[in-house]
Amino acid sequence: MIIVLLGTFPTAFERPLIEIDRLCKEGLITEEVIVQSGHTQFDSEYLKMRPFIAPDELTELYRQARVVITQAGTGSLIKGMKLNKRIIAIPRLAKYGEVVDDHQEEILHEFTKQNYILPWTEDVALEEVLHKIDDFEPSPYVSTKQNIINHLEGYINSL
């Protein structure tokens, strides 16, 4: 099964669905595809569209998924990375009105550099990325949250 996560930002994000739907129609994707579509309306006979999924159920879908295809928001990515999932990430882009700025491109770049995800960008077809996903071994996720906390505590204590 493939789970597709479009995020909860209140604008449509159809670009990935158009391509995923096409690959399903052509028989290049044959497994079940479940989409948490958020605010995106999209008709498909191949994709199981669900606007929002409860957190516990979503975690279970992550666990069951062979592949996670997601927008490049930190919440969706980190959840999959913590579960050591094979993730394909595509950034929402400001030029299409999908988000207010291009911070997701920066997130995509950094997480790709850390070998946590495979990037899906405008200049690369999803089909090419899917050919790489089964051989992709993501690096184990290492949180830097404690480093930030320690730095802030040190700063506060020095005042």
N, C-alpha and C. Protein backbone atom coordinates (compact mmCIF):
# COMPACT_ATOMS: atom_id res chain seq x y z
N MET A 1 0.84 -1.17 0.00
CA MET A 1 0.00 0.00 0.00
C MET A 1 0.89 1.24 0.00
N ILE A 2 0.40 2.26 -0.66
CA ILE A 2 1.07 3.56 -0.67
C ILE A 2 0.15 4.54 0.04
N ILE A 3 0.71 5.30 0.96
CA ILE A 3 -0.06 6.38 1.58
C ILE A 3 0.49 7.70 1.03
N VAL A 4 -0.42 8.59 0.68
CA VAL A 4 -0.08 9.89 0.13
C VAL A 4 -0.62 10.94 1.09
N LEU A 5 0.25 11.87 1.49
CA LEU A 5 -0.11 12.88 2.47
C LEU A 5 0.08 14.26 1.86
N LEU A 6 -1.01 15.02 1.77
CA LEU A 6 -0.94 16.34 1.15
C LEU A 6 -0.84 17.47 2.17
N GLY A 7 -0.89 17.15 3.45
CA GLY A 7 -0.79 18.17 4.49
C GLY A 7 -2.12 18.83 4.76
N THR A 8 -2.13 19.71 5.74
CA THR A 8 -3.37 20.36 6.16
C THR A 8 -3.41 21.85 5.82
N PHE A 9 -2.40 22.33 5.09
CA PHE A 9 -2.41 23.74 4.68
C PHE A 9 -3.68 23.98 3.86
N PRO A 10 -4.39 25.09 4.11
CA PRO A 10 -5.71 25.28 3.49
C PRO A 10 -5.71 25.71 2.02
N THR A 11 -4.86 25.10 1.21
CA THR A 11 -4.90 25.31 -0.24
C THR A 11 -4.77 23.95 -0.92
N ALA A 12 -5.22 23.90 -2.15
CA ALA A 12 -5.17 22.65 -2.91
C ALA A 12 -3.74 22.30 -3.30
N PHE A 13 -3.50 21.00 -3.45
CA PHE A 13 -2.19 20.50 -3.87
C PHE A 13 -2.43 19.31 -4.79
N GLU A 14 -2.82 19.62 -6.03
CA GLU A 14 -3.20 18.58 -6.99
C GLU A 14 -2.03 17.97 -7.75
N ARG A 15 -0.92 18.68 -7.87
CA ARG A 15 0.19 18.20 -8.72
C ARG A 15 0.57 16.74 -8.46
N PRO A 16 0.79 16.35 -7.21
CA PRO A 16 1.18 14.94 -7.03
C PRO A 16 0.06 13.97 -7.38
N LEU A 17 -1.17 14.35 -7.13
CA LEU A 17 -2.29 13.44 -7.40
C LEU A 17 -2.47 13.20 -8.89
N ILE A 18 -2.27 14.22 -9.70
CA ILE A 18 -2.39 14.07 -11.15
C ILE A 18 -1.41 13.01 -11.65
N GLU A 19 -0.19 13.07 -11.16
CA GLU A 19 0.84 12.12 -11.60
C GLU A 19 0.60 10.72 -11.03
N ILE A 20 0.24 10.63 -9.76
CA ILE A 20 -0.02 9.32 -9.15
C ILE A 20 -1.21 8.66 -9.83
N ASP A 21 -2.26 9.42 -10.07
CA ASP A 21 -3.45 8.90 -10.75
C ASP A 21 -3.09 8.38 -12.15
N ARG A 22 -2.27 9.14 -12.87
CA ARG A 22 -1.85 8.72 -14.22
C ARG A 22 -1.09 7.39 -14.16
N LEU A 23 -0.17 7.25 -13.21
CA LEU A 23 0.60 6.01 -13.10
C LEU A 23 -0.29 4.83 -12.71
N CYS A 24 -1.32 5.08 -11.91
CA CYS A 24 -2.29 4.03 -11.59
C CYS A 24 -3.07 3.63 -12.85
N LYS A 25 -3.53 4.62 -13.58
CA LYS A 25 -4.30 4.37 -14.81
C LYS A 25 -3.48 3.57 -15.82
N GLU A 26 -2.17 3.87 -15.91
CA GLU A 26 -1.31 3.16 -16.85
C GLU A 26 -0.83 1.81 -16.32
N GLY A 27 -1.20 1.47 -15.10
CA GLY A 27 -0.83 0.19 -14.53
C GLY A 27 0.58 0.15 -13.96
N LEU A 28 1.23 1.30 -13.83
CA LEU A 28 2.58 1.34 -13.26
C LEU A 28 2.55 1.33 -11.73
N ILE A 29 1.45 1.78 -11.17
CA ILE A 29 1.17 1.60 -9.74
C ILE A 29 -0.04 0.70 -9.67
N THR A 30 0.11 -0.45 -9.03
CA THR A 30 -0.99 -1.42 -8.97
C THR A 30 -1.50 -1.66 -7.56
N GLU A 31 -0.78 -1.16 -6.57
CA GLU A 31 -1.20 -1.39 -5.19
C GLU A 31 -2.20 -0.33 -4.75
N GLU A 32 -2.81 -0.56 -3.62
CA GLU A 32 -3.77 0.38 -3.05
C GLU A 32 -3.07 1.70 -2.73
N VAL A 33 -3.75 2.81 -3.06
CA VAL A 33 -3.22 4.14 -2.76
C VAL A 33 -4.27 4.87 -1.92
N ILE A 34 -3.90 5.19 -0.69
CA ILE A 34 -4.76 5.94 0.21
C ILE A 34 -4.21 7.35 0.33
N VAL A 35 -5.07 8.34 0.13
CA VAL A 35 -4.64 9.75 0.13
C VAL A 35 -5.32 10.50 1.27
N GLN A 36 -4.50 11.08 2.16
CA GLN A 36 -5.04 12.06 3.09
C GLN A 36 -4.97 13.39 2.34
N SER A 37 -6.11 13.81 1.81
CA SER A 37 -6.14 14.92 0.85
C SER A 37 -6.24 16.31 1.47
N GLY A 38 -6.54 16.40 2.75
CA GLY A 38 -6.65 17.72 3.36
C GLY A 38 -7.68 18.57 2.64
N HIS A 39 -7.26 19.71 2.13
CA HIS A 39 -8.16 20.65 1.46
C HIS A 39 -8.15 20.50 -0.06
N THR A 40 -7.62 19.41 -0.56
CA THR A 40 -7.55 19.19 -2.01
C THR A 40 -8.70 18.31 -2.46
N GLN A 41 -9.47 18.81 -3.42
CA GLN A 41 -10.54 18.04 -4.04
C GLN A 41 -10.00 17.43 -5.31
N PHE A 42 -10.18 16.12 -5.47
CA PHE A 42 -9.65 15.45 -6.66
C PHE A 42 -10.46 14.18 -6.89
N ASP A 43 -11.00 14.03 -8.09
CA ASP A 43 -11.77 12.84 -8.43
C ASP A 43 -10.86 11.81 -9.08
N SER A 44 -10.94 10.58 -8.57
CA SER A 44 -10.12 9.50 -9.11
C SER A 44 -10.80 8.17 -8.87
N GLU A 45 -10.73 7.31 -9.85
CA GLU A 45 -11.25 5.96 -9.65
C GLU A 45 -10.17 5.04 -9.07
N TYR A 46 -8.94 5.54 -8.96
CA TYR A 46 -7.81 4.74 -8.49
C TYR A 46 -7.36 5.08 -7.07
N LEU A 47 -7.57 6.29 -6.65
CA LEU A 47 -7.08 6.76 -5.36
C LEU A 47 -8.21 6.80 -4.34
N LYS A 48 -7.94 6.30 -3.13
CA LYS A 48 -8.93 6.36 -2.05
C LYS A 48 -8.70 7.66 -1.30
N MET A 49 -9.59 8.61 -1.55
CA MET A 49 -9.44 9.96 -1.00
C MET A 49 -10.11 10.07 0.37
N ARG A 50 -9.35 10.60 1.34
CA ARG A 50 -9.88 10.85 2.67
C ARG A 50 -9.35 12.21 3.11
N PRO A 51 -10.22 13.19 3.33
CA PRO A 51 -9.75 14.54 3.67
C PRO A 51 -8.84 14.57 4.90
N PHE A 52 -9.28 13.98 5.99
CA PHE A 52 -8.48 13.97 7.21
C PHE A 52 -8.62 12.61 7.88
N ILE A 53 -7.53 12.15 8.46
CA ILE A 53 -7.50 10.84 9.11
C ILE A 53 -7.06 11.06 10.55
N ALA A 54 -7.75 10.41 11.48
CA ALA A 54 -7.43 10.53 12.90
C ALA A 54 -5.98 10.11 13.15
N PRO A 55 -5.30 10.76 14.09
CA PRO A 55 -3.88 10.49 14.34
C PRO A 55 -3.52 9.01 14.56
N ASP A 56 -4.27 8.30 15.36
CA ASP A 56 -3.95 6.88 15.62
C ASP A 56 -4.08 6.04 14.35
N GLU A 57 -5.13 6.29 13.59
CA GLU A 57 -5.31 5.55 12.34
C GLU A 57 -4.22 5.92 11.34
N LEU A 58 -3.84 7.19 11.31
CA LEU A 58 -2.80 7.63 10.39
C LEU A 58 -1.46 6.95 10.72
N THR A 59 -1.15 6.84 12.00
CA THR A 59 0.08 6.15 12.41
C THR A 59 0.05 4.70 11.94
N GLU A 60 -1.09 4.05 12.06
CA GLU A 60 -1.21 2.67 11.61
C GLU A 60 -1.04 2.57 10.09
N LEU A 61 -1.57 3.53 9.34
CA LEU A 61 -1.40 3.54 7.89
C LEU A 61 0.07 3.74 7.51
N TYR A 62 0.75 4.61 8.24
CA TYR A 62 2.19 4.77 8.02
C TYR A 62 2.89 3.41 8.18
N ARG A 63 2.56 2.72 9.27
CA ARG A 63 3.21 1.43 9.54
C ARG A 63 2.95 0.41 8.43
N GLN A 64 1.73 0.39 7.92
CA GLN A 64 1.34 -0.58 6.90
C GLN A 64 1.90 -0.23 5.52
N ALA A 65 2.17 1.02 5.28
CA ALA A 65 2.55 1.47 3.94
C ALA A 65 3.93 0.94 3.53
N ARG A 66 4.01 0.52 2.28
CA ARG A 66 5.30 0.16 1.70
C ARG A 66 6.07 1.43 1.38
N VAL A 67 5.34 2.46 0.93
CA VAL A 67 5.93 3.74 0.55
C VAL A 67 5.03 4.86 1.06
N VAL A 68 5.67 5.94 1.52
CA VAL A 68 4.97 7.16 1.90
C VAL A 68 5.34 8.22 0.86
N ILE A 69 4.33 8.78 0.20
CA ILE A 69 4.55 9.92 -0.70
C ILE A 69 3.90 11.11 -0.02
N THR A 70 4.69 12.15 0.24
CA THR A 70 4.17 13.24 1.04
C THR A 70 4.65 14.60 0.57
N GLN A 71 3.89 15.60 0.91
CA GLN A 71 4.36 16.98 0.77
C GLN A 71 5.53 17.13 1.72
N ALA A 72 6.38 18.09 1.45
CA ALA A 72 7.63 18.22 2.22
C ALA A 72 7.47 19.07 3.47
N GLY A 73 6.39 18.83 4.20
CA GLY A 73 6.20 19.50 5.49
C GLY A 73 6.83 18.66 6.59
N THR A 74 7.35 19.32 7.60
CA THR A 74 8.10 18.60 8.63
C THR A 74 7.26 17.57 9.38
N GLY A 75 6.00 17.87 9.66
CA GLY A 75 5.17 16.93 10.41
C GLY A 75 5.03 15.59 9.70
N SER A 76 4.64 15.63 8.45
CA SER A 76 4.47 14.40 7.67
C SER A 76 5.79 13.66 7.50
N LEU A 77 6.86 14.40 7.26
CA LEU A 77 8.16 13.77 7.03
C LEU A 77 8.71 13.12 8.30
N ILE A 78 8.71 13.86 9.39
CA ILE A 78 9.32 13.34 10.62
C ILE A 78 8.57 12.12 11.14
N LYS A 79 7.25 12.12 11.03
CA LYS A 79 6.49 10.95 11.46
C LYS A 79 6.95 9.71 10.69
N GLY A 80 7.10 9.83 9.38
CA GLY A 80 7.57 8.70 8.57
C GLY A 80 9.01 8.34 8.86
N MET A 81 9.85 9.35 9.10
CA MET A 81 11.26 9.11 9.38
C MET A 81 11.43 8.38 10.70
N LYS A 82 10.65 8.74 11.71
CA LYS A 82 10.71 8.06 13.00
C LYS A 82 10.33 6.58 12.87
N LEU A 83 9.46 6.27 11.91
CA LEU A 83 9.04 4.89 11.67
C LEU A 83 9.93 4.19 10.65
N ASN A 84 11.00 4.88 10.22
CA ASN A 84 11.97 4.34 9.26
C ASN A 84 11.32 3.90 7.95
N LYS A 85 10.38 4.72 7.47
CA LYS A 85 9.68 4.41 6.23
C LYS A 85 10.45 4.93 5.02
N ARG A 86 10.20 4.30 3.90
CA ARG A 86 10.72 4.80 2.62
C ARG A 86 9.79 5.93 2.19
N ILE A 87 10.36 7.12 2.09
CA ILE A 87 9.57 8.33 1.86
C ILE A 87 10.00 9.00 0.56
N ILE A 88 9.00 9.36 -0.24
CA ILE A 88 9.19 10.22 -1.40
C ILE A 88 8.51 11.54 -1.05
N ALA A 89 9.25 12.64 -1.13
CA ALA A 89 8.69 13.93 -0.74
C ALA A 89 8.71 14.90 -1.91
N ILE A 90 7.61 15.64 -2.03
CA ILE A 90 7.47 16.66 -3.06
C ILE A 90 7.10 17.98 -2.37
N PRO A 91 7.81 19.05 -2.69
CA PRO A 91 7.50 20.32 -2.02
C PRO A 91 6.30 21.02 -2.64
N ARG A 92 5.48 21.59 -1.78
CA ARG A 92 4.48 22.56 -2.23
C ARG A 92 5.26 23.79 -2.68
N LEU A 93 4.79 24.45 -3.73
CA LEU A 93 5.52 25.60 -4.27
C LEU A 93 4.66 26.86 -4.28
N ALA A 94 5.28 27.97 -3.91
CA ALA A 94 4.58 29.26 -3.87
C ALA A 94 4.11 29.69 -5.26
N LYS A 95 4.89 29.39 -6.30
CA LYS A 95 4.52 29.86 -7.64
C LYS A 95 3.20 29.27 -8.14
N TYR A 96 2.76 28.18 -7.54
CA TYR A 96 1.48 27.57 -7.89
C TYR A 96 0.39 27.90 -6.86
N GLY A 97 0.72 28.72 -5.88
CA GLY A 97 -0.24 29.09 -4.84
C GLY A 97 -0.52 27.95 -3.86
N GLU A 98 0.40 26.99 -3.80
CA GLU A 98 0.20 25.82 -2.92
C GLU A 98 0.63 26.10 -1.49
N VAL A 99 1.41 27.17 -1.30
CA VAL A 99 1.95 27.55 0.00
C VAL A 99 2.41 29.01 -0.12
N VAL A 100 2.66 29.67 0.99
CA VAL A 100 3.00 31.10 0.93
C VAL A 100 4.45 31.38 0.58
N ASP A 101 5.35 30.45 0.86
CA ASP A 101 6.75 30.62 0.49
C ASP A 101 7.34 29.25 0.16
N ASP A 102 8.58 29.20 -0.21
CA ASP A 102 9.18 27.94 -0.66
C ASP A 102 10.03 27.25 0.41
N HIS A 103 9.60 27.36 1.67
CA HIS A 103 10.34 26.71 2.75
C HIS A 103 10.40 25.18 2.59
N GLN A 104 9.39 24.60 1.92
CA GLN A 104 9.41 23.14 1.74
C GLN A 104 10.54 22.69 0.83
N GLU A 105 10.98 23.54 -0.07
CA GLU A 105 12.14 23.20 -0.89
C GLU A 105 13.39 23.08 -0.02
N GLU A 106 13.51 23.98 0.95
CA GLU A 106 14.65 23.92 1.87
C GLU A 106 14.60 22.66 2.73
N ILE A 107 13.43 22.34 3.24
CA ILE A 107 13.25 21.12 4.04
C ILE A 107 13.60 19.90 3.20
N LEU A 108 13.10 19.85 1.98
CA LEU A 108 13.39 18.74 1.07
C LEU A 108 14.90 18.58 0.86
N HIS A 109 15.57 19.69 0.63
CA HIS A 109 17.01 19.66 0.40
C HIS A 109 17.75 19.10 1.62
N GLU A 110 17.42 19.60 2.80
CA GLU A 110 18.12 19.18 4.02
C GLU A 110 17.86 17.70 4.34
N PHE A 111 16.63 17.26 4.23
CA PHE A 111 16.32 15.86 4.56
C PHE A 111 16.86 14.90 3.51
N THR A 112 16.96 15.37 2.27
CA THR A 112 17.59 14.56 1.22
C THR A 112 19.08 14.40 1.52
N LYS A 113 19.72 15.52 1.91
CA LYS A 113 21.14 15.52 2.23
C LYS A 113 21.44 14.56 3.40
N GLN A 114 20.50 14.43 4.33
CA GLN A 114 20.67 13.53 5.48
C GLN A 114 20.33 12.08 5.13
N ASN A 115 19.89 11.83 3.89
CA ASN A 115 19.49 10.50 3.41
C ASN A 115 18.27 9.95 4.14
N TYR A 116 17.35 10.84 4.52
CA TYR A 116 16.11 10.42 5.16
C TYR A 116 15.02 10.14 4.13
N ILE A 117 15.09 10.81 2.98
CA ILE A 117 14.01 10.77 1.99
C ILE A 117 14.58 10.75 0.57
N LEU A 118 13.71 10.40 -0.38
CA LEU A 118 14.01 10.59 -1.79
C LEU A 118 13.19 11.79 -2.27
N PRO A 119 13.83 12.74 -2.95
CA PRO A 119 13.10 13.92 -3.41
C PRO A 119 12.36 13.66 -4.72
N TRP A 120 11.20 14.29 -4.84
CA TRP A 120 10.45 14.30 -6.09
C TRP A 120 10.26 15.77 -6.45
N THR A 121 10.96 16.22 -7.47
CA THR A 121 10.90 17.62 -7.87
C THR A 121 10.32 17.74 -9.28
N GLU A 122 10.07 18.96 -9.70
CA GLU A 122 9.45 19.20 -11.00
C GLU A 122 10.25 18.63 -12.17
N ASP A 123 11.55 18.57 -12.01
CA ASP A 123 12.39 18.10 -13.12
C ASP A 123 12.63 16.59 -13.12
N VAL A 124 11.96 15.88 -12.21
CA VAL A 124 12.11 14.43 -12.13
C VAL A 124 10.72 13.79 -12.12
N ALA A 125 10.51 12.80 -12.97
CA ALA A 125 9.23 12.11 -13.03
C ALA A 125 9.08 11.18 -11.83
N LEU A 126 7.87 11.08 -11.31
CA LEU A 126 7.60 10.17 -10.19
C LEU A 126 8.01 8.75 -10.53
N GLU A 127 7.79 8.35 -11.75
CA GLU A 127 8.15 7.00 -12.18
C GLU A 127 9.63 6.71 -11.92
N GLU A 128 10.50 7.69 -12.17
CA GLU A 128 11.94 7.52 -11.92
C GLU A 128 12.21 7.33 -10.43
N VAL A 129 11.55 8.11 -9.60
CA VAL A 129 11.76 8.01 -8.15
C VAL A 129 11.24 6.67 -7.64
N LEU A 130 10.10 6.23 -8.15
CA LEU A 130 9.54 4.94 -7.73
C LEU A 130 10.46 3.78 -8.08
N HIS A 131 11.20 3.89 -9.18
CA HIS A 131 12.15 2.84 -9.55
C HIS A 131 13.29 2.72 -8.53
N LYS A 132 13.57 3.80 -7.80
CA LYS A 132 14.65 3.81 -6.82
C LYS A 132 14.20 3.41 -5.42
N ILE A 133 12.90 3.48 -5.14
CA ILE A 133 12.43 3.41 -3.76
C ILE A 133 12.70 2.07 -3.09
N ASP A 134 12.58 0.96 -3.80
CA ASP A 134 12.77 -0.35 -3.16
C ASP A 134 14.22 -0.57 -2.73
N ASP A 135 15.16 0.05 -3.41
CA ASP A 135 16.57 -0.08 -3.05
C ASP A 135 17.03 1.01 -2.08
N PHE A 136 16.16 1.97 -1.80
CA PHE A 136 16.51 3.08 -0.93
C PHE A 136 16.49 2.63 0.53
N GLU A 137 17.60 2.83 1.22
CA GLU A 137 17.70 2.53 2.65
C GLU A 137 17.87 3.86 3.39
N PRO A 138 16.78 4.36 3.98
CA PRO A 138 16.89 5.65 4.66
C PRO A 138 17.77 5.55 5.90
N SER A 139 18.48 6.62 6.18
CA SER A 139 19.26 6.69 7.40
C SER A 139 18.32 6.72 8.60
N PRO A 140 18.71 6.11 9.71
CA PRO A 140 17.88 6.19 10.91
C PRO A 140 17.73 7.65 11.35
N TYR A 141 16.52 8.03 11.71
CA TYR A 141 16.25 9.41 12.11
C TYR A 141 16.91 9.72 13.44
N VAL A 142 17.62 10.83 13.50
CA VAL A 142 18.25 11.30 14.72
C VAL A 142 17.71 12.69 15.01
N SER A 143 16.99 12.81 16.10
CA SER A 143 16.42 14.10 16.47
C SER A 143 17.50 15.02 17.05
N THR A 144 17.46 16.27 16.67
CA THR A 144 18.37 17.27 17.24
C THR A 144 17.64 18.15 18.25
N LYS A 145 16.44 17.75 18.60
CA LYS A 145 15.62 18.53 19.53
C LYS A 145 16.34 18.75 20.86
N GLN A 146 16.97 17.70 21.42
CA GLN A 146 17.64 17.85 22.70
C GLN A 146 18.82 18.81 22.61
N ASN A 147 19.53 18.83 21.48
CA ASN A 147 20.63 19.78 21.30
C ASN A 147 20.13 21.22 21.38
N ILE A 148 18.98 21.47 20.77
CA ILE A 148 18.40 22.81 20.79
C ILE A 148 17.99 23.17 22.21
N ILE A 149 17.36 22.23 22.91
CA ILE A 149 16.94 22.46 24.29
C ILE A 149 18.15 22.77 25.17
N ASN A 150 19.21 21.96 25.03
CA ASN A 150 20.42 22.18 25.82
C ASN A 150 21.03 23.56 25.54
N HIS A 151 21.06 23.95 24.28
CA HIS A 151 21.60 25.25 23.90
C HIS A 151 20.79 26.37 24.55
N LEU A 152 19.46 26.27 24.46
CA LEU A 152 18.60 27.30 25.04
C LEU A 152 18.73 27.35 26.57
N GLU A 153 18.79 26.16 27.19
CA GLU A 153 18.95 26.13 28.65
C GLU A 153 20.28 26.77 29.05
N GLY A 154 21.34 26.46 28.31
CA GLY A 154 22.64 27.05 28.59
C GLY A 154 22.62 28.56 28.47
N TYR A 155 21.95 29.04 27.44
CA TYR A 155 21.84 30.48 27.23
C TYR A 155 21.06 31.14 28.37
N ILE A 156 19.92 30.54 28.70
CA ILE A 156 19.08 31.10 29.78
C ILE A 156 19.83 31.10 31.09
N ASN A 157 20.52 30.02 31.39
CA ASN A 157 21.28 29.93 32.65
C ASN A 157 22.44 30.92 32.70
N SER A 158 22.92 31.35 31.55
CA SER A 158 24.05 32.29 31.52
C SER A 158 23.59 33.74 31.74
N LEU A 159 22.30 33.97 31.71
CA LEU A 159 21.79 35.35 31.88
C LEU A 159 21.84 35.82 33.31
